[in-house]
Every structure is written in structure tokens, then in C-alpha cells.
């Protein structure tokens, strides 16, 4: 759940809204959050690196086994920083 939460926070930082903010009714929102068939929208965000959006997508995967661990994310970004 920590990685999912990180994805929600990053999503809000990039898009200035949460991934489910457009759903107004609480029960519909809860249903979307728990529905693996629900598609989260990722509008174009030219001002942010595509790598960041890719990380958000990875964090917000419904299948918990498909999400990266916090350690995976740290290692990925440490490798990027070494290249700079």
C-alpha cells in the first residue's frame, strides 16, 4: 500500500488532482479504486519527465505483485543520478 500511496501522491503533484478525484460519489470512487478493470488516465504532461509518469504508472498498478518495491524505485533513481 505504501507504493500505491506514493503513486497517488506523485500523480497529484504532476496532475494537480488525485487519480480518482473526478469521481464524486464515494461508493463509485471506492469501487473504482478496488476495480482492477478501471483505467487510470494519464494526461500528457510535457513539463515532467516521461520517466516520472512511468514510475507513477508502475506504482498505481492494481496487481500488487506487479508494483515495484520502494527499494526497486530507490535503486532505479540512484542509477539515473549516477549517470548525471
C-alpha atoms as a PDB file:
ATOM      1  CA  UNK A   1       0.000   0.000   0.000  1.00  0.00           C
ATOM      2  CA  UNK A   2       2.928   2.382   0.537  1.00  0.00           C
ATOM      3  CA  UNK A   3       3.891   2.180  -3.136  1.00  0.00           C
ATOM      4  CA  UNK A   4       0.262   2.725  -4.192  1.00  0.00           C
ATOM      5  CA  UNK A   5       0.114   5.753  -1.891  1.00  0.00           C
ATOM      6  CA  UNK A   6       3.365   7.077  -3.338  1.00  0.00           C
ATOM      7  CA  UNK A   7       1.828   6.736  -6.806  1.00  0.00           C
ATOM      8  CA  UNK A   8      -1.218   8.736  -5.679  1.00  0.00           C
ATOM      9  CA  UNK A   9       0.979  11.474  -4.201  1.00  0.00           C
ATOM     10  CA  UNK A  10       3.169  11.685  -7.310  1.00  0.00           C
ATOM     11  CA  UNK A  11       0.060  11.702  -9.515  1.00  0.00           C
ATOM     12  CA  UNK A  12      -1.325  14.638  -7.547  1.00  0.00           C
ATOM     13  CA  UNK A  13       1.983  16.521  -7.811  1.00  0.00           C
ATOM     14  CA  UNK A  14       2.102  16.039 -11.587  1.00  0.00           C
ATOM     15  CA  UNK A  15      -1.579  16.462 -12.485  1.00  0.00           C
ATOM     16  CA  UNK A  16      -2.724  18.659  -9.566  1.00  0.00           C
ATOM     17  CA  UNK A  17      -5.515  16.219  -8.719  1.00  0.00           C
ATOM     18  CA  UNK A  18      -5.734  12.683  -7.413  1.00  0.00           C
ATOM     19  CA  UNK A  19      -6.232   9.755  -9.804  1.00  0.00           C
ATOM     20  CA  UNK A  20      -9.837   9.326  -8.653  1.00  0.00           C
ATOM     21  CA  UNK A  21     -10.796  12.942  -7.915  1.00  0.00           C
ATOM     22  CA  UNK A  22     -13.091  13.132 -10.939  1.00  0.00           C
ATOM     23  CA  UNK A  23     -15.377  10.520  -9.341  1.00  0.00           C
ATOM     24  CA  UNK A  24     -17.701  12.412  -6.995  1.00  0.00           C
ATOM     25  CA  UNK A  25     -19.786   9.720  -5.318  1.00  0.00           C
ATOM     26  CA  UNK A  26     -17.887   7.991  -2.512  1.00  0.00           C
ATOM     27  CA  UNK A  27     -19.172   4.479  -3.341  1.00  0.00           C
ATOM     28  CA  UNK A  28     -18.318   4.902  -7.024  1.00  0.00           C
ATOM     29  CA  UNK A  29     -14.874   6.160  -6.051  1.00  0.00           C
ATOM     30  CA  UNK A  30     -14.278   3.189  -3.742  1.00  0.00           C
ATOM     31  CA  UNK A  31     -15.485   0.839  -6.466  1.00  0.00           C
ATOM     32  CA  UNK A  32     -13.048   2.369  -8.985  1.00  0.00           C
ATOM     33  CA  UNK A  33     -10.133   2.211  -6.546  1.00  0.00           C
ATOM     34  CA  UNK A  34     -10.720  -1.500  -5.967  1.00  0.00           C
ATOM     35  CA  UNK A  35     -11.646  -2.434  -9.551  1.00  0.00           C
ATOM     36  CA  UNK A  36      -8.630  -3.808 -11.471  1.00  0.00           C
ATOM     37  CA  UNK A  37     -10.516  -3.164 -14.729  1.00  0.00           C
ATOM     38  CA  UNK A  38     -10.683   0.571 -14.021  1.00  0.00           C
ATOM     39  CA  UNK A  39      -8.320   2.557 -16.217  1.00  0.00           C
ATOM     40  CA  UNK A  40      -6.435   5.419 -14.618  1.00  0.00           C
ATOM     41  CA  UNK A  41      -5.959   8.311 -17.024  1.00  0.00           C
ATOM     42  CA  UNK A  42      -2.502   9.793 -17.574  1.00  0.00           C
ATOM     43  CA  UNK A  43      -2.933  13.041 -19.496  1.00  0.00           C
ATOM     44  CA  UNK A  44       0.022  14.376 -21.388  1.00  0.00           C
ATOM     45  CA  UNK A  45       2.330  16.337 -19.074  1.00  0.00           C
ATOM     46  CA  UNK A  46       5.081  17.845 -21.189  1.00  0.00           C
ATOM     47  CA  UNK A  47       6.643  19.676 -18.268  1.00  0.00           C
ATOM     48  CA  UNK A  48       7.586  16.468 -16.429  1.00  0.00           C
ATOM     49  CA  UNK A  49       9.943  13.690 -17.473  1.00  0.00           C
ATOM     50  CA  UNK A  50       8.241  10.668 -19.076  1.00  0.00           C
ATOM     51  CA  UNK A  51      10.242   8.578 -16.599  1.00  0.00           C
ATOM     52  CA  UNK A  52       8.301  10.143 -13.724  1.00  0.00           C
ATOM     53  CA  UNK A  53       4.972   9.330 -15.370  1.00  0.00           C
ATOM     54  CA  UNK A  54       6.246   5.790 -15.983  1.00  0.00           C
ATOM     55  CA  UNK A  55       7.103   5.480 -12.287  1.00  0.00           C
ATOM     56  CA  UNK A  56       3.620   6.677 -11.365  1.00  0.00           C
ATOM     57  CA  UNK A  57       2.107   4.067 -13.720  1.00  0.00           C
ATOM     58  CA  UNK A  58       4.213   1.350 -12.092  1.00  0.00           C
ATOM     59  CA  UNK A  59       3.173   2.423  -8.592  1.00  0.00           C
ATOM     60  CA  UNK A  60      -0.527   2.542  -9.475  1.00  0.00           C
ATOM     61  CA  UNK A  61      -0.789  -0.962 -10.895  1.00  0.00           C
ATOM     62  CA  UNK A  62      -3.709  -2.815  -9.400  1.00  0.00           C
ATOM     63  CA  UNK A  63      -1.783  -6.078  -9.159  1.00  0.00           C
ATOM     64  CA  UNK A  64       0.339  -5.622  -6.066  1.00  0.00           C
ATOM     65  CA  UNK A  65       2.865  -8.190  -7.318  1.00  0.00           C
ATOM     66  CA  UNK A  66       3.459  -6.073 -10.433  1.00  0.00           C
ATOM     67  CA  UNK A  67       4.263  -2.913  -8.465  1.00  0.00           C
ATOM     68  CA  UNK A  68       7.895  -2.083  -7.773  1.00  0.00           C
ATOM     69  CA  UNK A  69       9.089  -2.135  -4.190  1.00  0.00           C
ATOM     70  CA  UNK A  70      10.328   1.038  -2.565  1.00  0.00           C
ATOM     71  CA  UNK A  71      13.831  -0.413  -2.832  1.00  0.00           C
ATOM     72  CA  UNK A  72      13.331  -1.001  -6.587  1.00  0.00           C
ATOM     73  CA  UNK A  73      12.348   2.631  -7.055  1.00  0.00           C
ATOM     74  CA  UNK A  74      15.290   3.885  -4.999  1.00  0.00           C
ATOM     75  CA  UNK A  75      17.737   1.764  -6.991  1.00  0.00           C
ATOM     76  CA  UNK A  76      16.263   2.903 -10.312  1.00  0.00           C
ATOM     77  CA  UNK A  77      16.663   6.565  -9.446  1.00  0.00           C
ATOM     78  CA  UNK A  78      20.089   6.081  -7.851  1.00  0.00           C
ATOM     79  CA  UNK A  79      21.259   4.593 -11.164  1.00  0.00           C
ATOM     80  CA  UNK A  80      19.890   7.613 -13.027  1.00  0.00           C
ATOM     81  CA  UNK A  81      21.649  10.023 -10.680  1.00  0.00           C
ATOM     82  CA  UNK A  82      24.960   8.244 -11.210  1.00  0.00           C
ATOM     83  CA  UNK A  83      24.668   8.975 -14.920  1.00  0.00           C
ATOM     84  CA  UNK A  84      24.332  12.710 -14.347  1.00  0.00           C
END
